[in-house]
Amino acid sequence: MKTLHVNLPGREYKIDIGLNILDQLLPAAVLSNSTDHVVVVTNTTLHDLYPDRVSQVLQNSGVRVSTCVLADGEEYKNLETLSLIFDFLIKFSANRKTLVVPININN
């Protein structure tokens, strides 16, 4: 696992990147962020392969999980897709305490 430390004026946070870290790190991230809402951002391919994976990991944590499923492919990595994510966050009443979890596989 690799951890990136982000230092901004007045606050800092970390980003963990690695293989097979979902089961161990996601529940801890939810607890440390005092959130009651997790938004998963994924694509159609991963959603079809693992439709309820994050919900299963968080089933005993007491948080609401909403899943934003986007089209798969490089051509969808653009501002229009980002706008779809923002629309989803608004529709599902995301706020500053909402934890956004991107699920992606890089080969």
PDB file of N, CA and C in Angstrom:
ATOM      1  N   MET A   1       0.846  -1.177   0.000  1.00  0.00           N
ATOM      2  CA  MET A   1       0.000   0.000   0.000  1.00  0.00           C
ATOM      3  C   MET A   1       0.890   1.239   0.000  1.00  0.00           C
ATOM      4  N   LYS A   2       0.438   2.252  -0.696  1.00  0.00           N
ATOM      5  CA  LYS A   2       1.145   3.533  -0.719  1.00  0.00           C
ATOM      6  C   LYS A   2       0.219   4.589  -0.110  1.00  0.00           C
ATOM      7  N   THR A   3       0.766   5.418   0.720  1.00  0.00           N
ATOM      8  CA  THR A   3       0.001   6.492   1.338  1.00  0.00           C
ATOM      9  C   THR A   3       0.552   7.827   0.876  1.00  0.00           C
ATOM     10  N   LEU A   4      -0.321   8.645   0.325  1.00  0.00           N
ATOM     11  CA  LEU A   4       0.042  10.005  -0.067  1.00  0.00           C
ATOM     12  C   LEU A   4      -0.444  10.947   1.022  1.00  0.00           C
ATOM     13  N   HIS A   5       0.416  11.814   1.471  1.00  0.00           N
ATOM     14  CA  HIS A   5       0.056  12.800   2.489  1.00  0.00           C
ATOM     15  C   HIS A   5      -0.173  14.147   1.801  1.00  0.00           C
ATOM     16  N   VAL A   6      -1.356  14.685   1.996  1.00  0.00           N
ATOM     17  CA  VAL A   6      -1.714  15.969   1.399  1.00  0.00           C
ATOM     18  C   VAL A   6      -1.720  17.013   2.505  1.00  0.00           C
ATOM     19  N   ASN A   7      -0.896  18.017   2.352  1.00  0.00           N
ATOM     20  CA  ASN A   7      -0.803  19.092   3.336  1.00  0.00           C
ATOM     21  C   ASN A   7      -1.298  20.387   2.711  1.00  0.00           C
ATOM     22  N   LEU A   8      -2.367  20.923   3.269  1.00  0.00           N
ATOM     23  CA  LEU A   8      -2.948  22.170   2.813  1.00  0.00           C
ATOM     24  C   LEU A   8      -2.916  23.163   3.963  1.00  0.00           C
ATOM     25  N   PRO A   9      -2.997  24.444   3.672  1.00  0.00           N
ATOM     26  CA  PRO A   9      -3.050  25.419   4.764  1.00  0.00           C
ATOM     27  C   PRO A   9      -4.243  25.139   5.682  1.00  0.00           C
ATOM     28  N   GLY A  10      -3.953  24.869   6.930  1.00  0.00           N
ATOM     29  CA  GLY A  10      -5.007  24.666   7.911  1.00  0.00           C
ATOM     30  C   GLY A  10      -5.535  23.252   8.028  1.00  0.00           C
ATOM     31  N   ARG A  11      -5.118  22.344   7.153  1.00  0.00           N
ATOM     32  CA  ARG A  11      -5.585  20.958   7.268  1.00  0.00           C
ATOM     33  C   ARG A  11      -4.675  20.036   6.467  1.00  0.00           C
ATOM     34  N   GLU A  12      -4.782  18.771   6.802  1.00  0.00           N
ATOM     35  CA  GLU A  12      -4.037  17.758   6.067  1.00  0.00           C
ATOM     36  C   GLU A  12      -4.833  16.465   6.076  1.00  0.00           C
ATOM     37  N   TYR A  13      -4.579  15.616   5.107  1.00  0.00           N
ATOM     38  CA  TYR A  13      -5.234  14.317   5.049  1.00  0.00           C
ATOM     39  C   TYR A  13      -4.357  13.373   4.246  1.00  0.00           C
ATOM     40  N   LYS A  14      -4.721  12.093   4.261  1.00  0.00           N
ATOM     41  CA  LYS A  14      -3.947  11.116   3.520  1.00  0.00           C
ATOM     42  C   LYS A  14      -4.843  10.384   2.532  1.00  0.00           C
ATOM     43  N   ILE A  15      -4.211   9.864   1.491  1.00  0.00           N
ATOM     44  CA  ILE A  15      -4.882   9.060   0.489  1.00  0.00           C
ATOM     45  C   ILE A  15      -4.145   7.727   0.435  1.00  0.00           C
ATOM     46  N   ASP A  16      -4.845   6.631   0.711  1.00  0.00           N
ATOM     47  CA  ASP A  16      -4.250   5.298   0.663  1.00  0.00           C
ATOM     48  C   ASP A  16      -4.562   4.652  -0.674  1.00  0.00           C
ATOM     49  N   ILE A  17      -3.544   4.107  -1.326  1.00  0.00           N
ATOM     50  CA  ILE A  17      -3.680   3.467  -2.625  1.00  0.00           C
ATOM     51  C   ILE A  17      -3.024   2.093  -2.523  1.00  0.00           C
ATOM     52  N   GLY A  18      -3.745   1.060  -2.925  1.00  0.00           N
ATOM     53  CA  GLY A  18      -3.138  -0.260  -2.859  1.00  0.00           C
ATOM     54  C   GLY A  18      -4.093  -1.361  -3.263  1.00  0.00           C
ATOM     55  N   LEU A  19      -3.583  -2.559  -3.239  1.00  0.00           N
ATOM     56  CA  LEU A  19      -4.362  -3.733  -3.594  1.00  0.00           C
ATOM     57  C   LEU A  19      -5.008  -4.336  -2.353  1.00  0.00           C
ATOM     58  N   ASN A  20      -6.249  -4.777  -2.501  1.00  0.00           N
ATOM     59  CA  ASN A  20      -6.964  -5.498  -1.438  1.00  0.00           C
ATOM     60  C   ASN A  20      -7.013  -4.744  -0.115  1.00  0.00           C
ATOM     61  N   ILE A  21      -7.236  -3.444  -0.177  1.00  0.00           N
ATOM     62  CA  ILE A  21      -7.260  -2.644   1.052  1.00  0.00           C
ATOM     63  C   ILE A  21      -8.675  -2.256   1.488  1.00  0.00           C
ATOM     64  N   LEU A  22      -9.651  -2.567   0.664  1.00  0.00           N
ATOM     65  CA  LEU A  22     -11.012  -2.122   0.938  1.00  0.00           C
ATOM     66  C   LEU A  22     -11.539  -2.625   2.272  1.00  0.00           C
ATOM     67  N   ASP A  23     -11.417  -3.924   2.530  1.00  0.00           N
ATOM     68  CA  ASP A  23     -11.979  -4.511   3.756  1.00  0.00           C
ATOM     69  C   ASP A  23     -11.382  -3.940   5.024  1.00  0.00           C
ATOM     70  N   GLN A  24     -10.097  -3.615   5.000  1.00  0.00           N
ATOM     71  CA  GLN A  24      -9.456  -3.137   6.223  1.00  0.00           C
ATOM     72  C   GLN A  24      -9.533  -1.627   6.383  1.00  0.00           C
ATOM     73  N   LEU A  25      -9.439  -0.888   5.278  1.00  0.00           N
ATOM     74  CA  LEU A  25      -9.339   0.566   5.405  1.00  0.00           C
ATOM     75  C   LEU A  25     -10.669   1.305   5.333  1.00  0.00           C
ATOM     76  N   LEU A  26     -11.623   0.794   4.569  1.00  0.00           N
ATOM     77  CA  LEU A  26     -12.873   1.539   4.422  1.00  0.00           C
ATOM     78  C   LEU A  26     -13.643   1.678   5.737  1.00  0.00           C
ATOM     79  N   PRO A  27     -13.864   0.612   6.504  1.00  0.00           N
ATOM     80  CA  PRO A  27     -14.560   0.806   7.787  1.00  0.00           C
ATOM     81  C   PRO A  27     -13.816   1.780   8.709  1.00  0.00           C
ATOM     82  N   ALA A  28     -12.494   1.724   8.709  1.00  0.00           N
ATOM     83  CA  ALA A  28     -11.718   2.654   9.544  1.00  0.00           C
ATOM     84  C   ALA A  28     -11.877   4.085   9.050  1.00  0.00           C
ATOM     85  N   ALA A  29     -11.915   4.279   7.737  1.00  0.00           N
ATOM     86  CA  ALA A  29     -12.092   5.625   7.179  1.00  0.00           C
ATOM     87  C   ALA A  29     -13.463   6.184   7.542  1.00  0.00           C
ATOM     88  N   VAL A  30     -14.468   5.336   7.498  1.00  0.00           N
ATOM     89  CA  VAL A  30     -15.823   5.780   7.860  1.00  0.00           C
ATOM     90  C   VAL A  30     -15.850   6.213   9.321  1.00  0.00           C
ATOM     91  N   LEU A  31     -15.264   5.410  10.187  1.00  0.00           N
ATOM     92  CA  LEU A  31     -15.246   5.749  11.614  1.00  0.00           C
ATOM     93  C   LEU A  31     -14.452   7.019  11.885  1.00  0.00           C
ATOM     94  N   SER A  32     -13.327   7.189  11.209  1.00  0.00           N
ATOM     95  CA  SER A  32     -12.487   8.356  11.492  1.00  0.00           C
ATOM     96  C   SER A  32     -13.053   9.646  10.904  1.00  0.00           C
ATOM     97  N   ASN A  33     -13.964   9.543   9.948  1.00  0.00           N
ATOM     98  CA  ASN A  33     -14.543  10.735   9.331  1.00  0.00           C
ATOM     99  C   ASN A  33     -15.902  11.116   9.901  1.00  0.00           C
ATOM    100  N   SER A  34     -16.394  10.372  10.854  1.00  0.00           N
ATOM    101  CA  SER A  34     -17.683  10.679  11.486  1.00  0.00           C
ATOM    102  C   SER A  34     -18.762  10.947  10.447  1.00  0.00           C
ATOM    103  N   THR A  35     -18.845  10.081   9.454  1.00  0.00           N
ATOM    104  CA  THR A  35     -19.843  10.261   8.405  1.00  0.00           C
ATOM    105  C   THR A  35     -20.985   9.280   8.575  1.00  0.00           C
ATOM    106  N   ASP A  36     -22.127   9.623   8.032  1.00  0.00           N
ATOM    107  CA  ASP A  36     -23.242   8.686   8.001  1.00  0.00           C
ATOM    108  C   ASP A  36     -23.656   8.377   6.558  1.00  0.00           C
ATOM    109  N   HIS A  37     -22.853   8.872   5.595  1.00  0.00           N
ATOM    110  CA  HIS A  37     -23.169   8.680   4.181  1.00  0.00           C
ATOM    111  C   HIS A  37     -21.884   8.456   3.384  1.00  0.00           C
ATOM    112  N   VAL A  38     -21.851   7.360   2.647  1.00  0.00           N
ATOM    113  CA  VAL A  38     -20.732   7.053   1.766  1.00  0.00           C
ATOM    114  C   VAL A  38     -21.259   7.010   0.339  1.00  0.00           C
ATOM    115  N   VAL A  39     -20.595   7.747  -0.556  1.00  0.00           N
ATOM    116  CA  VAL A  39     -20.930   7.710  -1.972  1.00  0.00           C
ATOM    117  C   VAL A  39     -19.804   6.973  -2.695  1.00  0.00           C
ATOM    118  N   VAL A  40     -20.166   5.886  -3.351  1.00  0.00           N
ATOM    119  CA  VAL A  40     -19.224   5.101  -4.132  1.00  0.00           C
ATOM    120  C   VAL A  40     -19.313   5.570  -5.574  1.00  0.00           C
ATOM    121  N   VAL A  41     -18.174   5.885  -6.177  1.00  0.00           N
ATOM    122  CA  VAL A  41     -18.128   6.262  -7.587  1.00  0.00           C
ATOM    123  C   VAL A  41     -17.387   5.149  -8.320  1.00  0.00           C
ATOM    124  N   THR A  42     -18.066   4.511  -9.266  1.00  0.00           N
ATOM    125  CA  THR A  42     -17.482   3.390  -9.984  1.00  0.00           C
ATOM    126  C   THR A  42     -17.951   3.405 -11.429  1.00  0.00           C
ATOM    127  N   ASN A  43     -17.552   2.393 -12.180  1.00  0.00           N
ATOM    128  CA  ASN A  43     -17.995   2.319 -13.573  1.00  0.00           C
ATOM    129  C   ASN A  43     -18.848   1.079 -13.800  1.00  0.00           C
ATOM    130  N   THR A  44     -19.447   1.001 -14.975  1.00  0.00           N
ATOM    131  CA  THR A  44     -20.386  -0.090 -15.270  1.00  0.00           C
ATOM    132  C   THR A  44     -19.713  -1.459 -15.192  1.00  0.00           C
ATOM    133  N   THR A  45     -18.487  -1.569 -15.647  1.00  0.00           N
ATOM    134  CA  THR A  45     -17.798  -2.860 -15.629  1.00  0.00           C
ATOM    135  C   THR A  45     -17.600  -3.361 -14.207  1.00  0.00           C
ATOM    136  N   LEU A  46     -17.059  -2.511 -13.337  1.00  0.00           N
ATOM    137  CA  LEU A  46     -16.830  -2.920 -11.950  1.00  0.00           C
ATOM    138  C   LEU A  46     -18.136  -3.129 -11.205  1.00  0.00           C
ATOM    139  N   HIS A  47     -19.111  -2.297 -11.484  1.00  0.00           N
ATOM    140  CA  HIS A  47     -20.405  -2.452 -10.809  1.00  0.00           C
ATOM    141  C   HIS A  47     -21.052  -3.784 -11.184  1.00  0.00           C
ATOM    142  N   ASP A  48     -20.918  -4.185 -12.444  1.00  0.00           N
ATOM    143  CA  ASP A  48     -21.474  -5.476 -12.863  1.00  0.00           C
ATOM    144  C   ASP A  48     -20.735  -6.645 -12.210  1.00  0.00           C
ATOM    145  N   LEU A  49     -19.422  -6.498 -12.030  1.00  0.00           N
ATOM    146  CA  LEU A  49     -18.629  -7.559 -11.399  1.00  0.00           C
ATOM    147  C   LEU A  49     -18.833  -7.628  -9.887  1.00  0.00           C
ATOM    148  N   TYR A  50     -18.926  -6.478  -9.238  1.00  0.00           N
ATOM    149  CA  TYR A  50     -19.015  -6.402  -7.778  1.00  0.00           C
ATOM    150  C   TYR A  50     -20.133  -5.447  -7.368  1.00  0.00           C
ATOM    151  N   PRO A  51     -21.388  -5.784  -7.633  1.00  0.00           N
ATOM    152  CA  PRO A  51     -22.477  -4.812  -7.456  1.00  0.00           C
ATOM    153  C   PRO A  51     -22.688  -4.303  -6.028  1.00  0.00           C
ATOM    154  N   ASP A  52     -22.444  -5.112  -5.042  1.00  0.00           N
ATOM    155  CA  ASP A  52     -22.715  -4.699  -3.663  1.00  0.00           C
ATOM    156  C   ASP A  52     -21.483  -4.774  -2.775  1.00  0.00           C
ATOM    157  N   ARG A  53     -20.316  -4.715  -3.350  1.00  0.00           N
ATOM    158  CA  ARG A  53     -19.082  -4.938  -2.600  1.00  0.00           C
ATOM    159  C   ARG A  53     -18.892  -3.942  -1.454  1.00  0.00           C
ATOM    160  N   VAL A  54     -19.017  -2.664  -1.731  1.00  0.00           N
ATOM    161  CA  VAL A  54     -18.813  -1.665  -0.679  1.00  0.00           C
ATOM    162  C   VAL A  54     -19.931  -1.742   0.356  1.00  0.00           C
ATOM    163  N   SER A  55     -21.148  -1.947  -0.093  1.00  0.00           N
ATOM    164  CA  SER A  55     -22.261  -2.095   0.855  1.00  0.00           C
ATOM    165  C   SER A  55     -22.025  -3.264   1.800  1.00  0.00           C
ATOM    166  N   GLN A  56     -21.487  -4.362   1.283  1.00  0.00           N
ATOM    167  CA  GLN A  56     -21.190  -5.521   2.119  1.00  0.00           C
ATOM    168  C   GLN A  56     -20.110  -5.198   3.150  1.00  0.00           C
ATOM    169  N   VAL A  57     -19.082  -4.490   2.729  1.00  0.00           N
ATOM    170  CA  VAL A  57     -17.999  -4.119   3.654  1.00  0.00           C
ATOM    171  C   VAL A  57     -18.536  -3.231   4.771  1.00  0.00           C
ATOM    172  N   LEU A  58     -19.496  -2.373   4.437  1.00  0.00           N
ATOM    173  CA  LEU A  58     -20.008  -1.399   5.405  1.00  0.00           C
ATOM    174  C   LEU A  58     -21.329  -1.798   6.052  1.00  0.00           C
ATOM    175  N   GLN A  59     -21.795  -3.019   5.833  1.00  0.00           N
ATOM    176  CA  GLN A  59     -23.130  -3.409   6.278  1.00  0.00           C
ATOM    177  C   GLN A  59     -23.369  -3.250   7.774  1.00  0.00           C
ATOM    178  N   ASN A  60     -22.356  -3.341   8.584  1.00  0.00           N
ATOM    179  CA  ASN A  60     -22.531  -3.217  10.036  1.00  0.00           C
ATOM    180  C   ASN A  60     -22.072  -1.875  10.588  1.00  0.00           C
ATOM    181  N   SER A  61     -21.806  -0.919   9.708  1.00  0.00           N
ATOM    182  CA  SER A  61     -21.268   0.359  10.176  1.00  0.00           C
ATOM    183  C   SER A  61     -22.331   1.418  10.419  1.00  0.00           C
ATOM    184  N   GLY A  62     -23.557   1.176   9.987  1.00  0.00           N
ATOM    185  CA  GLY A  62     -24.635   2.133  10.214  1.00  0.00           C
ATOM    186  C   GLY A  62     -24.640   3.313   9.267  1.00  0.00           C
ATOM    187  N   VAL A  63     -23.941   3.238   8.146  1.00  0.00           N
ATOM    188  CA  VAL A  63     -23.931   4.337   7.191  1.00  0.00           C
ATOM    189  C   VAL A  63     -24.814   4.003   5.993  1.00  0.00           C
ATOM    190  N   ARG A  64     -25.283   5.054   5.367  1.00  0.00           N
ATOM    191  CA  ARG A  64     -26.042   4.928   4.122  1.00  0.00           C
ATOM    192  C   ARG A  64     -25.037   4.922   2.982  1.00  0.00           C
ATOM    193  N   VAL A  65     -25.203   3.992   2.031  1.00  0.00           N
ATOM    194  CA  VAL A  65     -24.302   3.890   0.892  1.00  0.00           C
ATOM    195  C   VAL A  65     -25.084   4.179  -0.385  1.00  0.00           C
ATOM    196  N   SER A  66     -24.601   5.141  -1.165  1.00  0.00           N
ATOM    197  CA  SER A  66     -25.176   5.460  -2.474  1.00  0.00           C
ATOM    198  C   SER A  66     -24.095   5.187  -3.516  1.00  0.00           C
ATOM    199  N   THR A  67     -24.498   4.605  -4.650  1.00  0.00           N
ATOM    200  CA  THR A  67     -23.525   4.239  -5.664  1.00  0.00           C
ATOM    201  C   THR A  67     -23.782   4.985  -6.960  1.00  0.00           C
ATOM    202  N   CYS A  68     -22.784   5.719  -7.406  1.00  0.00           N
ATOM    203  CA  CYS A  68     -22.821   6.465  -8.662  1.00  0.00           C
ATOM    204  C   CYS A  68     -22.086   5.620  -9.708  1.00  0.00           C
ATOM    205  N   VAL A  69     -22.832   5.093 -10.680  1.00  0.00           N
ATOM    206  CA  VAL A  69     -22.259   4.220 -11.700  1.00  0.00           C
ATOM    207  C   VAL A  69     -22.130   5.007 -13.003  1.00  0.00           C
ATOM    208  N   LEU A  70     -20.897   5.075 -13.491  1.00  0.00           N
ATOM    209  CA  LEU A  70     -20.596   5.838 -14.697  1.00  0.00           C
ATOM    210  C   LEU A  70     -20.223   4.903 -15.840  1.00  0.00           C
ATOM    211  N   ALA A  71     -20.317   5.405 -17.053  1.00  0.00           N
ATOM    212  CA  ALA A  71     -19.890   4.624 -18.218  1.00  0.00           C
ATOM    213  C   ALA A  71     -18.397   4.330 -18.106  1.00  0.00           C
ATOM    214  N   ASP A  72     -17.981   3.200 -18.662  1.00  0.00           N
ATOM    215  CA  ASP A  72     -16.583   2.784 -18.601  1.00  0.00           C
ATOM    216  C   ASP A  72     -15.859   3.177 -19.882  1.00  0.00           C
ATOM    217  N   GLY A  73     -14.614   3.585 -19.756  1.00  0.00           N
ATOM    218  CA  GLY A  73     -13.802   3.896 -20.917  1.00  0.00           C
ATOM    219  C   GLY A  73     -13.118   5.242 -20.799  1.00  0.00           C
ATOM    220  N   GLU A  74     -11.983   5.347 -21.445  1.00  0.00           N
ATOM    221  CA  GLU A  74     -11.194   6.581 -21.402  1.00  0.00           C
ATOM    222  C   GLU A  74     -11.969   7.788 -21.927  1.00  0.00           C
ATOM    223  N   GLU A  75     -12.817   7.569 -22.912  1.00  0.00           N
ATOM    224  CA  GLU A  75     -13.542   8.697 -23.508  1.00  0.00           C
ATOM    225  C   GLU A  75     -14.526   9.344 -22.536  1.00  0.00           C
ATOM    226  N   TYR A  76     -14.811   8.669 -21.412  1.00  0.00           N
ATOM    227  CA  TYR A  76     -15.735   9.225 -20.420  1.00  0.00           C
ATOM    228  C   TYR A  76     -15.023   9.954 -19.288  1.00  0.00           C
ATOM    229  N   LYS A  77     -13.725   9.999 -19.323  1.00  0.00           N
ATOM    230  CA  LYS A  77     -12.962  10.722 -18.301  1.00  0.00           C
ATOM    231  C   LYS A  77     -12.834  12.166 -18.751  1.00  0.00           C
ATOM    232  N   ASN A  78     -13.922  12.922 -18.502  1.00  0.00           N
ATOM    233  CA  ASN A  78     -13.998  14.300 -18.989  1.00  0.00           C
ATOM    234  C   ASN A  78     -14.866  15.143 -18.050  1.00  0.00           C
ATOM    235  N   LEU A  79     -15.007  16.410 -18.373  1.00  0.00           N
ATOM    236  CA  LEU A  79     -15.782  17.326 -17.527  1.00  0.00           C
ATOM    237  C   LEU A  79     -17.268  16.983 -17.506  1.00  0.00           C
ATOM    238  N   GLU A  80     -17.789  16.426 -18.571  1.00  0.00           N
ATOM    239  CA  GLU A  80     -19.204  16.035 -18.594  1.00  0.00           C
ATOM    240  C   GLU A  80     -19.470  14.936 -17.562  1.00  0.00           C
ATOM    241  N   THR A  81     -18.560  13.980 -17.467  1.00  0.00           N
ATOM    242  CA  THR A  81     -18.716  12.922 -16.473  1.00  0.00           C
ATOM    243  C   THR A  81     -18.556  13.479 -15.062  1.00  0.00           C
ATOM    244  N   LEU A  82     -17.630  14.400 -14.885  1.00  0.00           N
ATOM    245  CA  LEU A  82     -17.480  15.051 -13.581  1.00  0.00           C
ATOM    246  C   LEU A  82     -18.770  15.762 -13.193  1.00  0.00           C
ATOM    247  N   SER A  83     -19.411  16.389 -14.150  1.00  0.00           N
ATOM    248  CA  SER A  83     -20.693  17.048 -13.904  1.00  0.00           C
ATOM    249  C   SER A  83     -21.756  16.033 -13.468  1.00  0.00           C
ATOM    250  N   LEU A  84     -21.725  14.837 -14.052  1.00  0.00           N
ATOM    251  CA  LEU A  84     -22.659  13.776 -13.642  1.00  0.00           C
ATOM    252  C   LEU A  84     -22.429  13.387 -12.178  1.00  0.00           C
ATOM    253  N   ILE A  85     -21.171  13.346 -11.780  1.00  0.00           N
ATOM    254  CA  ILE A  85     -20.860  13.028 -10.378  1.00  0.00           C
ATOM    255  C   ILE A  85     -21.385  14.124  -9.458  1.00  0.00           C
ATOM    256  N   PHE A  86     -21.172  15.373  -9.831  1.00  0.00           N
ATOM    257  CA  PHE A  86     -21.687  16.481  -9.017  1.00  0.00           C
ATOM    258  C   PHE A  86     -23.212  16.427  -8.920  1.00  0.00           C
ATOM    259  N   ASP A  87     -23.878  16.155 -10.035  1.00  0.00           N
ATOM    260  CA  ASP A  87     -25.342  16.039 -10.026  1.00  0.00           C
ATOM    261  C   ASP A  87     -25.791  14.913  -9.095  1.00  0.00           C
ATOM    262  N   PHE A  88     -25.083  13.803  -9.121  1.00  0.00           N
ATOM    263  CA  PHE A  88     -25.399  12.673  -8.256  1.00  0.00           C
ATOM    264  C   PHE A  88     -25.251  13.071  -6.783  1.00  0.00           C
ATOM    265  N   LEU A  89     -24.165  13.754  -6.460  1.00  0.00           N
ATOM    266  CA  LEU A  89     -23.934  14.175  -5.081  1.00  0.00           C
ATOM    267  C   LEU A  89     -25.044  15.096  -4.589  1.00  0.00           C
ATOM    268  N   ILE A  90     -25.480  15.988  -5.452  1.00  0.00           N
ATOM    269  CA  ILE A  90     -26.580  16.884  -5.082  1.00  0.00           C
ATOM    270  C   ILE A  90     -27.876  16.101  -4.894  1.00  0.00           C
ATOM    271  N   LYS A  91     -28.176  15.212  -5.838  1.00  0.00           N
ATOM    272  CA  LYS A  91     -29.414  14.422  -5.789  1.00  0.00           C
ATOM    273  C   LYS A  91     -29.506  13.597  -4.509  1.00  0.00           C
ATOM    274  N   PHE A  92     -28.365  13.075  -4.054  1.00  0.00           N
ATOM    275  CA  PHE A  92     -28.376  12.220  -2.872  1.00  0.00           C
ATOM    276  C   PHE A  92     -27.955  12.963  -1.602  1.00  0.00           C
ATOM    277  N   SER A  93     -28.088  14.279  -1.640  1.00  0.00           N
ATOM    278  CA  SER A  93     -27.893  15.132  -0.458  1.00  0.00           C
ATOM    279  C   SER A  93     -26.528  14.968   0.198  1.00  0.00           C
ATOM    280  N   ALA A  94     -25.503  14.867  -0.614  1.00  0.00           N
ATOM    281  CA  ALA A  94     -24.150  14.806  -0.060  1.00  0.00           C
ATOM    282  C   ALA A  94     -23.821  16.149   0.585  1.00  0.00           C
ATOM    283  N   ASN A  95     -22.990  16.088   1.611  1.00  0.00           N
ATOM    284  CA  ASN A  95     -22.556  17.315   2.277  1.00  0.00           C
ATOM    285  C   ASN A  95     -21.073  17.200   2.617  1.00  0.00           C
ATOM    286  N   ARG A  96     -20.576  18.107   3.400  1.00  0.00           N
ATOM    287  CA  ARG A  96     -19.140  18.139   3.709  1.00  0.00           C
ATOM    288  C   ARG A  96     -18.670  16.890   4.446  1.00  0.00           C
ATOM    289  N   LYS A  97     -19.577  16.220   5.110  1.00  0.00           N
ATOM    290  CA  LYS A  97     -19.203  15.017   5.855  1.00  0.00           C
ATOM    291  C   LYS A  97     -19.371  13.737   5.042  1.00  0.00           C
ATOM    292  N   THR A  98     -19.906  13.839   3.853  1.00  0.00           N
ATOM    293  CA  THR A  98     -20.067  12.662   3.002  1.00  0.00           C
ATOM    294  C   THR A  98     -18.702  12.164   2.561  1.00  0.00           C
ATOM    295  N   LEU A  99     -18.482  10.867   2.706  1.00  0.00           N
ATOM    296  CA  LEU A  99     -17.226  10.257   2.273  1.00  0.00           C
ATOM    297  C   LEU A  99     -17.406   9.731   0.852  1.00  0.00           C
ATOM    298  N   VAL A 100     -16.578  10.191  -0.077  1.00  0.00           N
ATOM    299  CA  VAL A 100     -16.631   9.751  -1.466  1.00  0.00           C
ATOM    300  C   VAL A 100     -15.536   8.717  -1.684  1.00  0.00           C
ATOM    301  N   VAL A 101     -15.935   7.531  -2.155  1.00  0.00           N
ATOM    302  CA  VAL A 101     -15.000   6.420  -2.349  1.00  0.00           C
ATOM    303  C   VAL A 101     -14.980   6.046  -3.833  1.00  0.00           C
ATOM    304  N   PRO A 102     -13.903   6.381  -4.534  1.00  0.00           N
ATOM    305  CA  PRO A 102     -13.792   5.963  -5.932  1.00  0.00           C
ATOM    306  C   PRO A 102     -13.281   4.516  -5.996  1.00  0.00           C
ATOM    307  N   ILE A 103     -13.938   3.715  -6.817  1.00  0.00           N
ATOM    308  CA  ILE A 103     -13.522   2.333  -7.010  1.00  0.00           C
ATOM    309  C   ILE A 103     -13.058   2.202  -8.455  1.00  0.00           C
ATOM    310  N   ASN A 104     -11.799   1.800  -8.626  1.00  0.00           N
ATOM    311  CA  ASN A 104     -11.211   1.729  -9.953  1.00  0.00           C
ATOM    312  C   ASN A 104     -10.178   0.610  -9.959  1.00  0.00           C
ATOM    313  N   ILE A 105      -9.941   0.065 -11.135  1.00  0.00           N
ATOM    314  CA  ILE A 105      -8.883  -0.926 -11.310  1.00  0.00           C
ATOM    315  C   ILE A 105      -7.970  -0.415 -12.396  1.00  0.00           C
ATOM    316  N   ASN A 106      -6.701  -0.323 -12.108  1.00  0.00           N
ATOM    317  CA  ASN A 106      -5.701   0.058 -13.097  1.00  0.00           C
ATOM    318  C   ASN A 106      -4.854  -1.150 -13.433  1.00  0.00           C
ATOM    319  N   ASN A 107      -4.687  -1.403 -14.706  1.00  0.00           N
ATOM    320  CA  ASN A 107      -3.842  -2.526 -15.136  1.00  0.00           C
ATOM    321  C   ASN A 107      -2.448  -2.059 -15.414  1.00  0.00           C
TER     322      ASN A 107
END
